[in-house]
């Protein structure tokens, strides 16, 4: 599904990760956005703008997936508050 200008003019609260994903040994920096609102549509290949307003924590490497998931959930709760 392609979006028109209406999608591009809307603002969505997100929890955002920018970095190297050290838990997965990534060699490229990535940006991952978790949209906090009820959003079930695909926007791959769309150009979007991101406005960063707060910093939660530095990037970390986790010894197992469970710790990473806990950290992500904590980040999302921090973003919501």
N, C-alpha and C. Protein backbone atom coordinates (compact mmCIF):
# COMPACT_ATOMS: atom_id res chain seq x y z
N UNK A 1 0.85 -1.18 0.00
CA UNK A 1 0.00 0.00 0.00
C UNK A 1 0.89 1.23 0.00
N UNK A 2 0.64 2.14 -0.87
CA UNK A 2 1.38 3.40 -0.92
C UNK A 2 0.58 4.48 -0.22
N UNK A 3 1.28 5.37 0.44
CA UNK A 3 0.64 6.45 1.17
C UNK A 3 0.71 7.74 0.38
N UNK A 4 -0.29 8.55 0.55
CA UNK A 4 -0.28 9.87 -0.05
C UNK A 4 0.30 10.89 0.91
N UNK A 5 0.13 12.13 0.61
CA UNK A 5 0.65 13.20 1.45
C UNK A 5 0.05 13.15 2.86
N UNK A 6 -1.16 12.59 3.01
CA UNK A 6 -1.77 12.51 4.33
C UNK A 6 -0.88 11.74 5.30
N UNK A 7 -0.32 10.61 4.88
CA UNK A 7 0.56 9.83 5.73
C UNK A 7 1.81 10.63 6.08
N UNK A 8 2.39 11.28 5.13
CA UNK A 8 3.64 11.99 5.35
C UNK A 8 3.48 13.22 6.23
N UNK A 9 2.28 13.73 6.36
CA UNK A 9 2.06 14.91 7.19
C UNK A 9 1.73 14.54 8.63
N UNK A 10 1.50 13.27 8.91
CA UNK A 10 1.16 12.84 10.27
C UNK A 10 2.42 12.60 11.09
N UNK A 11 2.27 12.73 12.41
CA UNK A 11 3.36 12.46 13.33
C UNK A 11 2.97 11.28 14.20
N UNK A 12 3.91 10.35 14.38
CA UNK A 12 3.69 9.16 15.18
C UNK A 12 4.76 9.08 16.26
N UNK A 13 4.35 8.85 17.50
CA UNK A 13 5.32 8.65 18.57
C UNK A 13 6.00 7.30 18.36
N UNK A 14 7.31 7.28 18.50
CA UNK A 14 8.07 6.05 18.30
C UNK A 14 9.15 5.91 19.36
N UNK A 15 9.58 4.70 19.56
CA UNK A 15 10.80 4.41 20.29
C UNK A 15 11.80 4.03 19.21
N UNK A 16 12.94 4.68 19.20
CA UNK A 16 13.86 4.60 18.06
C UNK A 16 15.22 4.07 18.51
N UNK A 17 15.80 3.20 17.72
CA UNK A 17 17.15 2.70 17.96
C UNK A 17 18.02 3.07 16.76
N UNK A 18 19.14 3.72 17.05
CA UNK A 18 20.12 4.05 16.00
C UNK A 18 21.44 3.45 16.44
N UNK A 19 22.01 2.57 15.64
CA UNK A 19 23.28 2.00 16.04
C UNK A 19 23.67 0.77 15.26
N UNK A 20 24.59 0.02 15.87
CA UNK A 20 25.23 -1.12 15.20
C UNK A 20 24.64 -2.45 15.61
N UNK A 21 23.66 -2.47 16.49
CA UNK A 21 23.07 -3.72 16.99
C UNK A 21 24.16 -4.70 17.44
N UNK A 22 24.92 -4.31 18.47
CA UNK A 22 26.06 -5.14 18.89
C UNK A 22 25.69 -6.55 19.33
N UNK A 23 24.47 -6.77 19.78
CA UNK A 23 24.07 -8.12 20.17
C UNK A 23 24.04 -9.06 18.98
N UNK A 24 23.96 -8.50 17.77
CA UNK A 24 23.91 -9.30 16.55
C UNK A 24 25.15 -9.11 15.68
N UNK A 25 26.17 -8.43 16.20
CA UNK A 25 27.43 -8.23 15.47
C UNK A 25 27.22 -7.60 14.09
N UNK A 26 26.31 -6.65 13.98
CA UNK A 26 26.05 -6.01 12.69
C UNK A 26 27.24 -5.14 12.28
N UNK A 27 27.47 -5.07 10.99
CA UNK A 27 28.58 -4.27 10.46
C UNK A 27 28.10 -2.96 9.85
N UNK A 28 26.79 -2.75 9.81
CA UNK A 28 26.23 -1.51 9.28
C UNK A 28 25.36 -0.86 10.34
N UNK A 29 25.42 0.46 10.41
CA UNK A 29 24.56 1.20 11.33
C UNK A 29 23.14 1.18 10.79
N UNK A 30 22.18 0.95 11.68
CA UNK A 30 20.77 0.89 11.28
C UNK A 30 19.94 1.85 12.11
N UNK A 31 18.75 2.12 11.61
CA UNK A 31 17.74 2.88 12.36
C UNK A 31 16.50 2.00 12.40
N UNK A 32 16.03 1.73 13.62
CA UNK A 32 14.82 0.93 13.81
C UNK A 32 13.82 1.75 14.60
N UNK A 33 12.61 1.86 14.08
CA UNK A 33 11.57 2.64 14.76
C UNK A 33 10.41 1.73 15.14
N UNK A 34 10.01 1.79 16.41
CA UNK A 34 8.85 1.06 16.89
C UNK A 34 7.74 2.09 17.09
N UNK A 35 6.73 2.05 16.25
CA UNK A 35 5.63 3.01 16.33
C UNK A 35 4.73 2.64 17.49
N UNK A 36 4.50 3.58 18.41
CA UNK A 36 3.76 3.30 19.64
C UNK A 36 2.25 3.31 19.45
N UNK A 37 1.79 3.86 18.36
CA UNK A 37 0.36 3.94 18.11
C UNK A 37 -0.11 2.71 17.35
N UNK A 38 -1.42 2.54 17.28
CA UNK A 38 -2.00 1.44 16.54
C UNK A 38 -1.70 1.67 15.05
N UNK A 39 -0.75 0.94 14.51
CA UNK A 39 -0.28 1.16 13.15
C UNK A 39 -0.01 -0.20 12.53
N UNK A 40 -0.81 -0.58 11.55
CA UNK A 40 -0.67 -1.92 10.99
C UNK A 40 -0.43 -1.92 9.48
N UNK A 41 0.11 -0.82 8.97
CA UNK A 41 0.31 -0.74 7.53
C UNK A 41 1.79 -0.74 7.19
N UNK A 42 2.10 -1.11 5.98
CA UNK A 42 3.46 -1.23 5.50
C UNK A 42 3.91 0.09 4.86
N UNK A 43 5.08 0.58 5.25
CA UNK A 43 5.59 1.80 4.61
C UNK A 43 7.00 1.59 4.06
N UNK A 44 7.33 0.35 3.74
CA UNK A 44 8.61 0.09 3.08
C UNK A 44 8.70 0.85 1.77
N UNK A 45 9.90 1.32 1.46
CA UNK A 45 10.20 2.07 0.25
C UNK A 45 9.58 3.47 0.25
N UNK A 46 9.02 3.90 1.37
CA UNK A 46 8.51 5.26 1.48
C UNK A 46 9.56 6.14 2.12
N UNK A 47 9.62 7.38 1.72
CA UNK A 47 10.52 8.34 2.35
C UNK A 47 9.80 8.94 3.55
N UNK A 48 10.48 8.90 4.71
CA UNK A 48 9.89 9.46 5.93
C UNK A 48 10.89 10.43 6.57
N UNK A 49 10.40 11.25 7.45
CA UNK A 49 11.24 12.14 8.25
C UNK A 49 11.14 11.71 9.70
N UNK A 50 12.26 11.81 10.41
CA UNK A 50 12.28 11.45 11.83
C UNK A 50 12.78 12.65 12.62
N UNK A 51 12.03 13.01 13.64
CA UNK A 51 12.43 14.09 14.54
C UNK A 51 12.78 13.46 15.89
N UNK A 52 14.02 13.57 16.29
CA UNK A 52 14.47 12.99 17.55
C UNK A 52 14.34 14.07 18.63
N UNK A 53 13.61 13.76 19.70
CA UNK A 53 13.36 14.75 20.74
C UNK A 53 13.98 14.39 22.09
N UNK A 54 14.29 13.11 22.32
CA UNK A 54 14.85 12.70 23.60
C UNK A 54 15.85 11.57 23.41
N UNK A 55 16.75 11.45 24.37
CA UNK A 55 17.72 10.36 24.39
C UNK A 55 17.44 9.52 25.62
N UNK A 56 17.32 8.20 25.47
CA UNK A 56 17.03 7.33 26.61
C UNK A 56 18.30 6.70 27.17
N UNK A 57 19.09 6.06 26.30
CA UNK A 57 20.28 5.37 26.80
C UNK A 57 21.24 5.09 25.65
N UNK A 58 22.48 4.79 26.02
CA UNK A 58 23.49 4.41 25.02
C UNK A 58 23.24 2.98 24.57
N UNK A 59 23.80 2.66 23.44
CA UNK A 59 23.70 1.32 22.88
C UNK A 59 24.43 0.33 23.79
N UNK A 60 23.87 -0.87 23.91
CA UNK A 60 24.46 -1.91 24.76
C UNK A 60 24.45 -3.24 24.03
N UNK A 61 25.35 -4.12 24.47
CA UNK A 61 25.35 -5.49 23.96
C UNK A 61 24.82 -6.38 25.07
N UNK A 62 23.93 -7.30 24.73
CA UNK A 62 23.30 -8.17 25.72
C UNK A 62 23.75 -9.60 25.51
N UNK A 63 23.92 -10.31 26.62
CA UNK A 63 24.43 -11.68 26.55
C UNK A 63 23.41 -12.67 26.01
N UNK A 64 22.13 -12.31 26.09
CA UNK A 64 21.13 -13.19 25.49
C UNK A 64 19.91 -12.37 25.06
N UNK A 65 19.09 -12.97 24.25
CA UNK A 65 17.94 -12.29 23.65
C UNK A 65 16.94 -11.82 24.70
N UNK A 66 16.77 -12.57 25.77
CA UNK A 66 15.82 -12.18 26.82
C UNK A 66 16.16 -10.83 27.43
N UNK A 67 17.46 -10.58 27.69
CA UNK A 67 17.87 -9.29 28.26
C UNK A 67 17.64 -8.15 27.27
N UNK A 68 17.88 -8.42 26.00
CA UNK A 68 17.63 -7.41 24.96
C UNK A 68 16.14 -7.07 24.91
N UNK A 69 15.28 -8.07 24.95
CA UNK A 69 13.84 -7.85 24.89
C UNK A 69 13.37 -7.04 26.10
N UNK A 70 13.90 -7.34 27.28
CA UNK A 70 13.56 -6.57 28.49
C UNK A 70 13.96 -5.11 28.32
N UNK A 71 15.16 -4.87 27.81
CA UNK A 71 15.64 -3.50 27.61
C UNK A 71 14.75 -2.75 26.61
N UNK A 72 14.37 -3.41 25.54
CA UNK A 72 13.50 -2.78 24.54
C UNK A 72 12.15 -2.44 25.15
N UNK A 73 11.58 -3.35 25.92
CA UNK A 73 10.30 -3.08 26.58
C UNK A 73 10.42 -1.91 27.55
N UNK A 74 11.53 -1.83 28.28
CA UNK A 74 11.76 -0.70 29.18
C UNK A 74 11.86 0.61 28.40
N UNK A 75 12.56 0.58 27.27
CA UNK A 75 12.68 1.78 26.44
C UNK A 75 11.31 2.25 25.94
N UNK A 76 10.47 1.30 25.55
CA UNK A 76 9.13 1.64 25.06
C UNK A 76 8.30 2.26 26.19
N UNK A 77 8.37 1.70 27.37
CA UNK A 77 7.63 2.26 28.51
C UNK A 77 8.14 3.66 28.86
N UNK A 78 9.44 3.86 28.79
CA UNK A 78 10.01 5.19 29.03
C UNK A 78 9.52 6.18 28.00
N UNK A 79 9.46 5.77 26.75
CA UNK A 79 8.97 6.64 25.68
C UNK A 79 7.51 7.01 25.88
N UNK A 80 6.71 6.06 26.34
CA UNK A 80 5.28 6.33 26.55
C UNK A 80 5.03 7.32 27.67
N UNK A 81 5.92 7.36 28.66
CA UNK A 81 5.67 8.22 29.83
C UNK A 81 6.12 9.65 29.61
